């Protein structure tokens, strides 16, 4: 993907995705009639998926990256279940941190030409019923494989969305995330590791608050 000289940094994309996620979750819990909030929120996951693929390309410690996602997947499960189901522990649906972890593993498997590892990551996405499921894992892999092919990436996003949700679907708004992702300039931006960990903490924290309201 050709990087614009002036555009959005990784920090800008992270803050944008967090804001969109907050709008989405707040709308679902407190203002379910406000469809515009849900529509905006559809853009959040593709941006997070893109950042996982980018993080994979730049990480110096893949195992530590996996452990960090796994830790926050565990920490986030009770807040997620409280927000979505109103109960502290529901085993039928897992939070998006697990989806992102499996997506990260799929990128590794792809680069190593590990067919069984790739099948495991994709199948686990379906069997664990993590947020966005098999298609969410596939989205992370798409951003890795088609990183430098912007139009193929757009088409892939559209096809994954239609395959999972059908047509028409409110989820089609997620394809609009291609626009801010297209503006990514390859720079880290301000905040550094502090913003990174603040984003991780924000995920379970805001769900816990919404779940307790």
N, C-alpha and C. Protein backbone atom coordinates (compact mmCIF):
# COMPACT_ATOMS: atom_id res chain seq x y z
N UNK A 1 0.85 -1.19 0.00
CA UNK A 1 0.00 0.00 0.00
C UNK A 1 0.88 1.25 0.00
N UNK A 2 0.67 2.14 -0.93
CA UNK A 2 1.43 3.37 -1.01
C UNK A 2 1.10 4.27 0.18
N UNK A 3 2.14 4.70 0.90
CA UNK A 3 1.92 5.51 2.09
C UNK A 3 1.89 6.99 1.75
N UNK A 4 0.84 7.71 2.15
CA UNK A 4 0.81 9.15 1.90
C UNK A 4 1.84 9.86 2.76
N UNK A 5 2.42 10.92 2.20
CA UNK A 5 3.42 11.66 2.96
C UNK A 5 2.80 12.27 4.20
N UNK A 6 1.59 12.75 4.06
CA UNK A 6 0.86 13.30 5.21
C UNK A 6 -0.38 12.44 5.40
N UNK A 7 -0.58 11.96 6.60
CA UNK A 7 -1.72 11.08 6.83
C UNK A 7 -1.88 10.76 8.30
N UNK A 8 -2.41 9.60 8.57
CA UNK A 8 -2.69 9.17 9.93
C UNK A 8 -1.58 8.25 10.42
N UNK A 9 -1.13 8.48 11.65
CA UNK A 9 -0.15 7.61 12.26
C UNK A 9 -0.85 6.43 12.92
N UNK A 10 -0.07 5.48 13.40
CA UNK A 10 -0.64 4.34 14.14
C UNK A 10 -1.38 4.82 15.37
N UNK A 11 -0.85 5.85 16.02
CA UNK A 11 -1.52 6.40 17.21
C UNK A 11 -2.87 7.00 16.84
N UNK A 12 -2.92 7.72 15.72
CA UNK A 12 -4.20 8.30 15.28
C UNK A 12 -5.22 7.20 15.00
N UNK A 13 -4.80 6.14 14.32
CA UNK A 13 -5.71 5.05 14.01
C UNK A 13 -6.19 4.35 15.28
N UNK A 14 -5.29 4.18 16.23
CA UNK A 14 -5.67 3.52 17.48
C UNK A 14 -6.72 4.34 18.23
N UNK A 15 -6.51 5.64 18.33
CA UNK A 15 -7.47 6.51 19.02
C UNK A 15 -8.80 6.53 18.28
N UNK A 16 -8.74 6.58 16.95
CA UNK A 16 -9.97 6.56 16.15
C UNK A 16 -10.74 5.27 16.39
N UNK A 17 -10.06 4.14 16.37
CA UNK A 17 -10.72 2.85 16.58
C UNK A 17 -11.34 2.76 17.97
N UNK A 18 -10.62 3.26 18.97
CA UNK A 18 -11.16 3.24 20.34
C UNK A 18 -12.41 4.11 20.45
N UNK A 19 -12.38 5.28 19.81
CA UNK A 19 -13.54 6.17 19.84
C UNK A 19 -14.74 5.52 19.14
N UNK A 20 -14.50 4.91 18.00
CA UNK A 20 -15.58 4.25 17.27
C UNK A 20 -16.15 3.07 18.06
N UNK A 21 -15.27 2.32 18.71
CA UNK A 21 -15.71 1.20 19.53
C UNK A 21 -16.57 1.69 20.70
N UNK A 22 -16.15 2.77 21.34
CA UNK A 22 -16.91 3.32 22.46
C UNK A 22 -18.29 3.78 22.00
N UNK A 23 -18.34 4.44 20.85
CA UNK A 23 -19.63 4.88 20.30
C UNK A 23 -20.54 3.67 20.04
N UNK A 24 -19.96 2.63 19.46
CA UNK A 24 -20.71 1.42 19.15
C UNK A 24 -21.27 0.77 20.40
N UNK A 25 -20.42 0.53 21.38
CA UNK A 25 -20.84 -0.16 22.60
C UNK A 25 -21.81 0.68 23.43
N UNK A 26 -21.56 1.99 23.47
CA UNK A 26 -22.47 2.87 24.21
C UNK A 26 -23.84 2.87 23.54
N UNK A 27 -23.86 2.89 22.21
CA UNK A 27 -25.13 2.84 21.50
C UNK A 27 -25.88 1.56 21.75
N UNK A 28 -25.18 0.44 21.74
CA UNK A 28 -25.82 -0.86 21.93
C UNK A 28 -26.40 -1.01 23.34
N UNK A 29 -25.70 -0.48 24.33
CA UNK A 29 -26.13 -0.65 25.72
C UNK A 29 -27.13 0.42 26.15
N UNK A 30 -26.84 1.67 25.82
CA UNK A 30 -27.64 2.77 26.36
C UNK A 30 -28.62 3.39 25.36
N UNK A 31 -28.27 3.34 24.07
CA UNK A 31 -29.11 4.01 23.07
C UNK A 31 -29.36 3.08 21.87
N UNK A 32 -29.99 1.94 22.08
CA UNK A 32 -30.16 0.95 21.00
C UNK A 32 -30.95 1.45 19.80
N UNK A 33 -31.72 2.51 19.98
CA UNK A 33 -32.49 3.05 18.85
C UNK A 33 -31.66 3.95 17.95
N UNK A 34 -30.46 4.33 18.40
CA UNK A 34 -29.61 5.22 17.63
C UNK A 34 -28.74 4.40 16.66
N UNK A 35 -29.30 4.08 15.52
CA UNK A 35 -28.62 3.21 14.57
C UNK A 35 -27.32 3.82 14.05
N UNK A 36 -27.26 5.13 13.99
CA UNK A 36 -26.06 5.78 13.48
C UNK A 36 -24.84 5.43 14.33
N UNK A 37 -25.05 5.20 15.63
CA UNK A 37 -23.94 4.84 16.51
C UNK A 37 -23.42 3.45 16.16
N UNK A 38 -24.34 2.54 15.84
CA UNK A 38 -23.94 1.19 15.45
C UNK A 38 -23.22 1.22 14.10
N UNK A 39 -23.71 2.06 13.20
CA UNK A 39 -23.09 2.17 11.87
C UNK A 39 -21.64 2.66 11.99
N UNK A 40 -21.43 3.70 12.79
CA UNK A 40 -20.07 4.20 13.00
C UNK A 40 -19.19 3.14 13.64
N UNK A 41 -19.77 2.42 14.58
CA UNK A 41 -19.01 1.41 15.30
C UNK A 41 -18.51 0.28 14.43
N UNK A 42 -19.15 0.07 13.27
CA UNK A 42 -18.74 -1.02 12.38
C UNK A 42 -17.32 -0.81 11.84
N UNK A 43 -16.83 0.43 11.87
CA UNK A 43 -15.50 0.71 11.34
C UNK A 43 -14.39 0.32 12.30
N UNK A 44 -14.72 0.08 13.56
CA UNK A 44 -13.68 -0.13 14.57
C UNK A 44 -12.89 -1.42 14.35
N UNK A 45 -13.59 -2.54 14.17
CA UNK A 45 -12.87 -3.82 14.10
C UNK A 45 -11.86 -3.88 12.96
N UNK A 46 -12.20 -3.47 11.73
CA UNK A 46 -11.18 -3.53 10.67
C UNK A 46 -9.92 -2.74 11.00
N UNK A 47 -10.08 -1.61 11.69
CA UNK A 47 -8.90 -0.82 12.05
C UNK A 47 -8.06 -1.57 13.07
N UNK A 48 -8.72 -2.19 14.06
CA UNK A 48 -7.97 -3.00 15.03
C UNK A 48 -7.29 -4.18 14.33
N UNK A 49 -7.99 -4.82 13.39
CA UNK A 49 -7.42 -5.95 12.66
C UNK A 49 -6.19 -5.51 11.86
N UNK A 50 -6.29 -4.35 11.23
CA UNK A 50 -5.17 -3.80 10.48
C UNK A 50 -3.97 -3.57 11.39
N UNK A 51 -4.22 -3.04 12.58
CA UNK A 51 -3.13 -2.74 13.49
C UNK A 51 -2.46 -4.01 14.03
N UNK A 52 -3.24 -5.08 14.16
CA UNK A 52 -2.63 -6.35 14.55
C UNK A 52 -1.68 -6.83 13.45
N UNK A 53 -2.13 -6.74 12.21
CA UNK A 53 -1.28 -7.15 11.09
C UNK A 53 -0.01 -6.29 11.01
N UNK A 54 -0.16 -4.99 11.24
CA UNK A 54 1.00 -4.10 11.26
C UNK A 54 1.90 -4.40 12.44
N UNK A 55 1.28 -4.65 13.60
CA UNK A 55 2.06 -4.99 14.79
C UNK A 55 2.87 -6.25 14.58
N UNK A 56 2.28 -7.22 13.88
CA UNK A 56 3.01 -8.46 13.59
C UNK A 56 4.25 -8.19 12.75
N UNK A 57 4.13 -7.31 11.79
CA UNK A 57 5.26 -7.01 10.90
C UNK A 57 6.40 -6.31 11.64
N UNK A 58 6.08 -5.59 12.70
CA UNK A 58 7.09 -4.77 13.37
C UNK A 58 7.52 -5.30 14.74
N UNK A 59 6.84 -6.32 15.25
CA UNK A 59 7.16 -6.78 16.60
C UNK A 59 8.56 -7.41 16.64
N UNK A 60 9.24 -7.21 17.76
CA UNK A 60 10.55 -7.82 17.98
C UNK A 60 10.43 -9.09 18.82
N UNK A 61 9.23 -9.33 19.35
CA UNK A 61 9.02 -10.50 20.21
C UNK A 61 7.61 -11.03 19.98
N UNK A 62 7.50 -11.94 19.02
CA UNK A 62 6.20 -12.48 18.65
C UNK A 62 5.52 -13.18 19.82
N UNK A 63 6.28 -13.96 20.58
CA UNK A 63 5.68 -14.70 21.70
C UNK A 63 5.12 -13.74 22.74
N UNK A 64 5.85 -12.68 23.03
CA UNK A 64 5.36 -11.70 24.00
C UNK A 64 4.10 -11.00 23.50
N UNK A 65 4.06 -10.74 22.21
CA UNK A 65 2.88 -10.12 21.59
C UNK A 65 1.66 -11.04 21.78
N UNK A 66 1.86 -12.33 21.53
CA UNK A 66 0.78 -13.30 21.72
C UNK A 66 0.34 -13.36 23.17
N UNK A 67 1.29 -13.38 24.08
CA UNK A 67 0.97 -13.48 25.51
C UNK A 67 0.19 -12.25 25.97
N UNK A 68 0.54 -11.09 25.45
CA UNK A 68 -0.17 -9.86 25.81
C UNK A 68 -1.63 -9.92 25.37
N UNK A 69 -1.86 -10.36 24.13
CA UNK A 69 -3.23 -10.48 23.65
C UNK A 69 -4.00 -11.55 24.42
N UNK A 70 -3.33 -12.67 24.73
CA UNK A 70 -3.98 -13.73 25.49
C UNK A 70 -4.36 -13.26 26.89
N UNK A 71 -3.46 -12.51 27.52
CA UNK A 71 -3.74 -11.99 28.87
C UNK A 71 -4.97 -11.09 28.85
N UNK A 72 -5.04 -10.17 27.90
CA UNK A 72 -6.17 -9.25 27.87
C UNK A 72 -7.44 -9.92 27.37
N UNK A 73 -7.30 -11.02 26.64
CA UNK A 73 -8.48 -11.80 26.27
C UNK A 73 -9.12 -12.40 27.52
N UNK A 74 -8.28 -12.89 28.42
CA UNK A 74 -8.78 -13.47 29.68
C UNK A 74 -9.36 -12.37 30.58
N UNK A 75 -8.62 -11.28 30.73
CA UNK A 75 -9.05 -10.17 31.59
C UNK A 75 -10.36 -9.56 31.09
N UNK A 76 -10.55 -9.55 29.78
CA UNK A 76 -11.71 -8.87 29.19
C UNK A 76 -12.97 -9.73 29.16
N UNK A 77 -12.87 -11.01 29.44
CA UNK A 77 -14.02 -11.88 29.21
C UNK A 77 -15.20 -11.56 30.12
N UNK A 78 -14.96 -11.37 31.40
CA UNK A 78 -16.06 -11.05 32.32
C UNK A 78 -16.69 -9.69 31.97
N UNK A 79 -15.89 -8.62 31.77
CA UNK A 79 -16.50 -7.36 31.35
C UNK A 79 -17.29 -7.49 30.05
N UNK A 80 -16.77 -8.27 29.10
CA UNK A 80 -17.46 -8.48 27.83
C UNK A 80 -18.80 -9.17 28.05
N UNK A 81 -18.81 -10.22 28.84
CA UNK A 81 -20.05 -10.96 29.09
C UNK A 81 -21.07 -10.11 29.86
N UNK A 82 -20.58 -9.30 30.79
CA UNK A 82 -21.48 -8.41 31.51
C UNK A 82 -22.13 -7.40 30.58
N UNK A 83 -21.35 -6.84 29.68
CA UNK A 83 -21.88 -5.84 28.77
C UNK A 83 -22.84 -6.44 27.75
N UNK A 84 -22.48 -7.59 27.19
CA UNK A 84 -23.25 -8.18 26.10
C UNK A 84 -24.44 -8.99 26.60
N UNK A 85 -24.22 -9.78 27.66
CA UNK A 85 -25.24 -10.72 28.11
C UNK A 85 -25.85 -10.39 29.47
N UNK A 86 -25.22 -9.45 30.20
CA UNK A 86 -25.71 -9.12 31.52
C UNK A 86 -25.37 -10.17 32.56
N UNK A 87 -24.47 -11.08 32.24
CA UNK A 87 -24.02 -12.12 33.17
C UNK A 87 -22.50 -12.13 33.19
N UNK A 88 -21.89 -12.54 34.33
CA UNK A 88 -20.43 -12.43 34.46
C UNK A 88 -19.64 -13.44 33.64
N UNK A 89 -20.23 -14.57 33.25
CA UNK A 89 -19.46 -15.56 32.51
C UNK A 89 -20.38 -16.36 31.60
N UNK A 90 -20.20 -16.19 30.30
CA UNK A 90 -20.97 -16.90 29.29
C UNK A 90 -19.97 -17.56 28.34
N UNK A 91 -20.05 -18.87 28.19
CA UNK A 91 -19.04 -19.58 27.41
C UNK A 91 -19.36 -19.66 25.92
N UNK A 92 -20.51 -19.20 25.51
CA UNK A 92 -20.91 -19.34 24.12
C UNK A 92 -20.40 -18.27 23.17
N UNK A 93 -19.71 -17.25 23.69
CA UNK A 93 -19.26 -16.15 22.83
C UNK A 93 -18.07 -15.48 23.52
N UNK A 94 -16.95 -15.39 22.81
CA UNK A 94 -15.72 -14.86 23.40
C UNK A 94 -15.42 -13.46 22.84
N UNK A 95 -14.64 -12.70 23.59
CA UNK A 95 -14.38 -11.31 23.22
C UNK A 95 -13.37 -11.18 22.07
N UNK A 96 -13.27 -9.99 21.54
CA UNK A 96 -12.52 -9.75 20.30
C UNK A 96 -11.01 -9.91 20.48
N UNK A 97 -10.51 -9.85 21.72
CA UNK A 97 -9.08 -10.05 21.93
C UNK A 97 -8.66 -11.44 21.48
N UNK A 98 -9.52 -12.43 21.67
CA UNK A 98 -9.23 -13.77 21.19
C UNK A 98 -9.20 -13.80 19.67
N UNK A 99 -10.11 -13.09 19.04
CA UNK A 99 -10.13 -12.99 17.58
C UNK A 99 -8.81 -12.41 17.07
N UNK A 100 -8.36 -11.35 17.70
CA UNK A 100 -7.12 -10.70 17.28
C UNK A 100 -5.91 -11.60 17.52
N UNK A 101 -5.92 -12.35 18.61
CA UNK A 101 -4.84 -13.30 18.88
C UNK A 101 -4.78 -14.38 17.80
N UNK A 102 -5.92 -14.94 17.46
CA UNK A 102 -5.97 -15.96 16.41
C UNK A 102 -5.58 -15.38 15.05
N UNK A 103 -5.95 -14.12 14.82
CA UNK A 103 -5.52 -13.45 13.59
C UNK A 103 -4.01 -13.31 13.54
N UNK A 104 -3.42 -12.97 14.67
CA UNK A 104 -1.96 -12.85 14.75
C UNK A 104 -1.30 -14.19 14.46
N UNK A 105 -1.85 -15.26 15.02
CA UNK A 105 -1.31 -16.60 14.78
C UNK A 105 -1.45 -17.00 13.31
N UNK A 106 -2.54 -16.57 12.68
CA UNK A 106 -2.74 -16.90 11.27
C UNK A 106 -1.69 -16.21 10.39
N UNK A 107 -1.30 -14.99 10.75
CA UNK A 107 -0.26 -14.29 10.00
C UNK A 107 1.07 -15.03 10.09
N UNK A 108 1.37 -15.50 11.28
CA UNK A 108 2.62 -16.26 11.49
C UNK A 108 2.60 -17.55 10.68
N UNK A 109 1.46 -18.25 10.74
CA UNK A 109 1.33 -19.51 10.01
C UNK A 109 1.47 -19.28 8.51
N UNK A 110 0.89 -18.19 8.00
CA UNK A 110 0.98 -17.88 6.58
C UNK A 110 2.43 -17.68 6.15
N UNK A 111 3.17 -16.90 6.92
CA UNK A 111 4.56 -16.63 6.57
C UNK A 111 5.42 -17.88 6.63
N UNK A 112 5.09 -18.78 7.54
CA UNK A 112 5.87 -20.01 7.68
C UNK A 112 5.36 -21.13 6.77
N UNK A 113 4.34 -20.81 5.97
CA UNK A 113 3.71 -21.82 5.10
C UNK A 113 3.27 -23.04 5.92
N UNK A 114 2.76 -22.73 7.09
CA UNK A 114 2.27 -23.76 8.03
C UNK A 114 0.77 -23.94 7.81
N UNK A 115 0.42 -24.87 6.93
CA UNK A 115 -0.99 -25.08 6.60
C UNK A 115 -1.83 -25.50 7.78
N UNK A 116 -1.28 -26.39 8.60
CA UNK A 116 -2.04 -26.86 9.78
C UNK A 116 -2.22 -25.74 10.79
N UNK A 117 -1.19 -24.90 10.94
CA UNK A 117 -1.31 -23.77 11.86
C UNK A 117 -2.36 -22.79 11.40
N UNK A 118 -2.43 -22.58 10.09
CA UNK A 118 -3.42 -21.67 9.52
C UNK A 118 -4.83 -22.24 9.70
N UNK A 119 -4.97 -23.53 9.43
CA UNK A 119 -6.27 -24.18 9.63
C UNK A 119 -6.70 -24.09 11.09
N UNK A 120 -5.74 -24.31 12.00
CA UNK A 120 -6.05 -24.23 13.43
C UNK A 120 -6.58 -22.85 13.79
N UNK A 121 -5.89 -21.80 13.35
CA UNK A 121 -6.29 -20.43 13.71
C UNK A 121 -7.68 -20.11 13.19
N UNK A 122 -7.93 -20.46 11.93
CA UNK A 122 -9.23 -20.16 11.32
C UNK A 122 -10.34 -21.00 11.94
N UNK A 123 -10.05 -22.30 12.17
CA UNK A 123 -11.06 -23.18 12.75
C UNK A 123 -11.36 -22.79 14.19
N UNK A 124 -10.33 -22.38 14.92
CA UNK A 124 -10.53 -21.94 16.30
C UNK A 124 -11.41 -20.71 16.36
N UNK A 125 -11.28 -19.84 15.36
CA UNK A 125 -12.14 -18.66 15.31
C UNK A 125 -13.60 -19.03 15.18
N UNK A 126 -13.87 -20.11 14.45
CA UNK A 126 -15.26 -20.56 14.28
C UNK A 126 -15.76 -21.31 15.51
N UNK A 127 -14.93 -22.22 16.04
CA UNK A 127 -15.37 -23.10 17.12
C UNK A 127 -15.50 -22.38 18.46
N UNK A 128 -14.63 -21.41 18.72
CA UNK A 128 -14.70 -20.68 19.99
C UNK A 128 -15.78 -19.61 19.98
N UNK A 129 -16.31 -19.32 18.79
CA UNK A 129 -17.33 -18.27 18.64
C UNK A 129 -16.83 -16.94 19.20
N UNK A 130 -15.58 -16.65 18.91
CA UNK A 130 -15.05 -15.35 19.31
C UNK A 130 -15.71 -14.27 18.45
N UNK A 131 -15.62 -13.03 18.91
CA UNK A 131 -16.26 -11.93 18.19
C UNK A 131 -15.80 -11.90 16.74
N UNK A 132 -16.74 -11.85 15.81
CA UNK A 132 -16.50 -11.85 14.36
C UNK A 132 -16.05 -13.21 13.84
N UNK A 133 -15.77 -14.16 14.74
CA UNK A 133 -15.53 -15.54 14.38
C UNK A 133 -14.45 -15.78 13.35
N UNK A 134 -14.66 -16.80 12.55
CA UNK A 134 -13.75 -17.19 11.48
C UNK A 134 -13.44 -16.00 10.57
N UNK A 135 -14.45 -15.22 10.27
CA UNK A 135 -14.28 -14.10 9.34
C UNK A 135 -13.43 -12.98 9.96
N UNK A 136 -13.48 -12.85 11.28
CA UNK A 136 -12.64 -11.86 11.94
C UNK A 136 -11.17 -12.24 11.86
N UNK A 137 -10.88 -13.52 12.08
CA UNK A 137 -9.51 -14.01 11.94
C UNK A 137 -9.03 -13.82 10.51
N UNK A 138 -9.89 -14.13 9.57
CA UNK A 138 -9.56 -13.99 8.15
C UNK A 138 -9.30 -12.53 7.79
N UNK A 139 -9.98 -11.61 8.44
CA UNK A 139 -9.78 -10.18 8.18
C UNK A 139 -8.37 -9.74 8.56
N UNK A 140 -7.90 -10.20 9.72
CA UNK A 140 -6.53 -9.88 10.13
C UNK A 140 -5.54 -10.43 9.09
N UNK A 141 -5.75 -11.66 8.67
CA UNK A 141 -4.87 -12.28 7.68
C UNK A 141 -4.92 -11.52 6.36
N UNK A 142 -6.09 -11.05 5.98
CA UNK A 142 -6.24 -10.28 4.74
C UNK A 142 -5.36 -9.04 4.78
N UNK A 143 -5.36 -8.34 5.91
CA UNK A 143 -4.55 -7.12 6.02
C UNK A 143 -3.06 -7.44 5.93
N UNK A 144 -2.68 -8.62 6.36
CA UNK A 144 -1.28 -9.02 6.27
C UNK A 144 -0.91 -9.39 4.84
N UNK A 145 -1.73 -10.21 4.22
CA UNK A 145 -1.42 -10.72 2.88
C UNK A 145 -1.54 -9.64 1.81
N UNK A 146 -2.53 -8.76 1.95
CA UNK A 146 -2.80 -7.74 0.92
C UNK A 146 -2.36 -6.35 1.35
N UNK A 147 -1.41 -6.28 2.21
CA UNK A 147 -0.97 -4.99 2.76
C UNK A 147 -0.61 -3.98 1.68
N UNK A 148 0.04 -4.43 0.62
CA UNK A 148 0.50 -3.52 -0.44
C UNK A 148 -0.38 -3.56 -1.69
N UNK A 149 -1.58 -4.11 -1.53
CA UNK A 149 -2.51 -4.22 -2.66
C UNK A 149 -3.85 -3.61 -2.25
N UNK A 150 -3.94 -2.28 -2.31
CA UNK A 150 -5.05 -1.57 -1.71
C UNK A 150 -6.41 -1.93 -2.29
N UNK A 151 -6.49 -2.12 -3.62
CA UNK A 151 -7.79 -2.42 -4.21
C UNK A 151 -8.19 -3.88 -3.96
N UNK A 152 -7.22 -4.78 -3.96
CA UNK A 152 -7.51 -6.16 -3.58
C UNK A 152 -7.96 -6.24 -2.13
N UNK A 153 -7.35 -5.39 -1.29
CA UNK A 153 -7.74 -5.33 0.12
C UNK A 153 -9.18 -4.86 0.27
N UNK A 154 -9.55 -3.83 -0.47
CA UNK A 154 -10.92 -3.32 -0.41
C UNK A 154 -11.91 -4.40 -0.86
N UNK A 155 -11.59 -5.07 -1.94
CA UNK A 155 -12.46 -6.14 -2.44
C UNK A 155 -12.56 -7.27 -1.43
N UNK A 156 -11.44 -7.62 -0.83
CA UNK A 156 -11.44 -8.68 0.18
C UNK A 156 -12.31 -8.33 1.38
N UNK A 157 -12.22 -7.09 1.85
CA UNK A 157 -13.05 -6.64 2.96
C UNK A 157 -14.53 -6.76 2.61
N UNK A 158 -14.86 -6.36 1.39
CA UNK A 158 -16.25 -6.42 0.95
C UNK A 158 -16.74 -7.86 0.87
N UNK A 159 -15.94 -8.75 0.32
CA UNK A 159 -16.34 -10.14 0.15
C UNK A 159 -16.49 -10.84 1.50
N UNK A 160 -15.57 -10.59 2.44
CA UNK A 160 -15.68 -11.19 3.77
C UNK A 160 -16.96 -10.73 4.45
N UNK A 161 -17.25 -9.44 4.32
CA UNK A 161 -18.45 -8.88 4.95
C UNK A 161 -19.71 -9.51 4.37
N UNK A 162 -19.78 -9.61 3.06
CA UNK A 162 -20.97 -10.18 2.42
C UNK A 162 -21.11 -11.66 2.75
N UNK A 163 -19.99 -12.39 2.76
CA UNK A 163 -20.04 -13.82 3.08
C UNK A 163 -20.55 -14.07 4.49
N UNK A 164 -20.19 -13.21 5.42
CA UNK A 164 -20.61 -13.41 6.81
C UNK A 164 -22.01 -12.88 7.09
N UNK A 165 -22.32 -11.70 6.55
CA UNK A 165 -23.56 -11.03 6.95
C UNK A 165 -24.60 -10.94 5.85
N UNK A 166 -24.24 -11.28 4.62
CA UNK A 166 -25.20 -11.18 3.53
C UNK A 166 -25.27 -9.76 2.99
N UNK A 167 -26.18 -9.57 2.04
CA UNK A 167 -26.34 -8.25 1.42
C UNK A 167 -27.83 -7.96 1.23
N UNK A 168 -28.32 -6.79 1.64
CA UNK A 168 -27.59 -5.72 2.32
C UNK A 168 -27.45 -6.03 3.81
N UNK A 169 -26.53 -5.33 4.46
CA UNK A 169 -26.30 -5.51 5.89
C UNK A 169 -25.69 -4.24 6.46
N UNK A 170 -26.03 -3.94 7.68
CA UNK A 170 -25.45 -2.78 8.35
C UNK A 170 -23.94 -2.93 8.49
N UNK A 171 -23.48 -4.19 8.50
CA UNK A 171 -22.06 -4.46 8.64
C UNK A 171 -21.24 -3.96 7.45
N UNK A 172 -21.91 -3.67 6.34
CA UNK A 172 -21.20 -3.15 5.17
C UNK A 172 -20.52 -1.81 5.46
N UNK A 173 -20.99 -1.12 6.49
CA UNK A 173 -20.33 0.13 6.87
C UNK A 173 -18.87 -0.13 7.28
N UNK A 174 -18.56 -1.37 7.69
CA UNK A 174 -17.19 -1.69 8.11
C UNK A 174 -16.19 -1.48 6.97
N UNK A 175 -16.66 -1.64 5.74
CA UNK A 175 -15.77 -1.49 4.59
C UNK A 175 -15.24 -0.06 4.48
N UNK A 176 -15.97 0.90 5.04
CA UNK A 176 -15.52 2.29 5.03
C UNK A 176 -14.24 2.49 5.83
N UNK A 177 -13.90 1.53 6.67
CA UNK A 177 -12.64 1.62 7.42
C UNK A 177 -11.44 1.62 6.49
N UNK A 178 -11.64 1.18 5.27
CA UNK A 178 -10.57 1.21 4.27
C UNK A 178 -10.05 2.62 4.07
N UNK A 179 -10.90 3.62 4.24
CA UNK A 179 -10.49 5.01 4.00
C UNK A 179 -9.45 5.50 5.00
N UNK A 180 -9.71 5.44 6.33
CA UNK A 180 -8.65 5.86 7.26
C UNK A 180 -7.43 4.96 7.20
N UNK A 181 -7.63 3.66 6.94
CA UNK A 181 -6.49 2.75 6.82
C UNK A 181 -5.64 3.16 5.61
N UNK A 182 -6.30 3.56 4.55
CA UNK A 182 -5.59 4.01 3.35
C UNK A 182 -4.73 5.25 3.64
N UNK A 183 -5.12 6.04 4.64
CA UNK A 183 -4.39 7.26 4.99
C UNK A 183 -3.24 7.01 5.95
N UNK A 184 -3.06 5.77 6.37
CA UNK A 184 -1.97 5.44 7.29
C UNK A 184 -0.63 5.73 6.63
N UNK A 185 0.24 6.47 7.34
CA UNK A 185 1.50 6.89 6.74
C UNK A 185 2.71 6.08 7.22
N UNK A 186 2.45 5.03 7.99
CA UNK A 186 3.54 4.16 8.42
C UNK A 186 4.29 4.64 9.64
N UNK A 187 3.89 5.78 10.21
CA UNK A 187 4.56 6.32 11.39
C UNK A 187 3.85 5.87 12.67
N UNK A 188 4.62 5.75 13.75
CA UNK A 188 4.04 5.34 15.04
C UNK A 188 3.18 6.45 15.64
N UNK A 189 3.64 7.67 15.55
CA UNK A 189 2.89 8.78 16.13
C UNK A 189 3.15 8.92 17.62
N UNK A 190 2.46 9.88 18.26
CA UNK A 190 2.69 10.16 19.68
C UNK A 190 2.12 9.08 20.58
N UNK A 191 2.58 9.08 21.82
CA UNK A 191 2.01 8.18 22.82
C UNK A 191 2.85 6.97 23.13
N UNK A 192 3.43 6.38 22.10
CA UNK A 192 4.31 5.24 22.28
C UNK A 192 3.66 4.09 23.02
N UNK A 193 4.45 3.43 23.86
CA UNK A 193 3.99 2.26 24.58
C UNK A 193 2.90 2.60 25.59
N UNK A 194 2.88 3.86 26.08
CA UNK A 194 1.86 4.26 27.04
C UNK A 194 0.48 4.25 26.40
N UNK A 195 0.39 4.75 25.18
CA UNK A 195 -0.89 4.72 24.47
C UNK A 195 -1.29 3.29 24.15
N UNK A 196 -0.31 2.47 23.79
CA UNK A 196 -0.58 1.08 23.46
C UNK A 196 -1.23 0.36 24.64
N UNK A 197 -0.64 0.48 25.82
CA UNK A 197 -1.19 -0.21 26.98
C UNK A 197 -2.47 0.45 27.47
N UNK A 198 -2.59 1.76 27.30
CA UNK A 198 -3.84 2.43 27.65
C UNK A 198 -4.98 1.90 26.81
N UNK A 199 -4.70 1.61 25.54
CA UNK A 199 -5.72 1.05 24.64
C UNK A 199 -6.12 -0.34 25.10
N UNK A 200 -5.15 -1.16 25.48
CA UNK A 200 -5.46 -2.50 25.99
C UNK A 200 -6.35 -2.42 27.23
N UNK A 201 -6.01 -1.53 28.15
CA UNK A 201 -6.76 -1.40 29.40
C UNK A 201 -8.14 -0.81 29.15
N UNK A 202 -8.23 0.09 28.18
CA UNK A 202 -9.51 0.73 27.88
C UNK A 202 -10.57 -0.29 27.47
N UNK A 203 -10.15 -1.34 26.76
CA UNK A 203 -11.11 -2.31 26.25
C UNK A 203 -11.91 -2.97 27.38
N UNK A 204 -11.29 -3.65 28.36
CA UNK A 204 -12.11 -4.23 29.43
C UNK A 204 -12.72 -3.19 30.35
N UNK A 205 -12.01 -2.05 30.55
CA UNK A 205 -12.50 -1.05 31.49
C UNK A 205 -13.82 -0.45 31.04
N UNK A 206 -13.93 -0.06 29.78
CA UNK A 206 -15.17 0.59 29.34
C UNK A 206 -16.32 -0.42 29.29
N UNK A 207 -16.01 -1.70 28.97
CA UNK A 207 -17.06 -2.71 28.96
C UNK A 207 -17.57 -3.01 30.36
N UNK A 208 -16.65 -3.00 31.32
CA UNK A 208 -17.07 -3.23 32.70
C UNK A 208 -18.01 -2.13 33.18
N UNK A 209 -17.69 -0.89 32.86
CA UNK A 209 -18.54 0.24 33.24
C UNK A 209 -19.91 0.11 32.59
N UNK A 210 -19.93 -0.16 31.29
CA UNK A 210 -21.20 -0.29 30.58
C UNK A 210 -21.98 -1.51 31.08
N UNK A 211 -21.27 -2.57 31.42
CA UNK A 211 -21.93 -3.78 31.91
C UNK A 211 -22.57 -3.61 33.27
N UNK A 212 -22.02 -2.70 34.05
CA UNK A 212 -22.54 -2.47 35.41
C UNK A 212 -23.64 -1.41 35.45
N UNK A 213 -23.82 -0.69 34.36
CA UNK A 213 -24.86 0.36 34.34
C UNK A 213 -26.26 -0.24 34.32
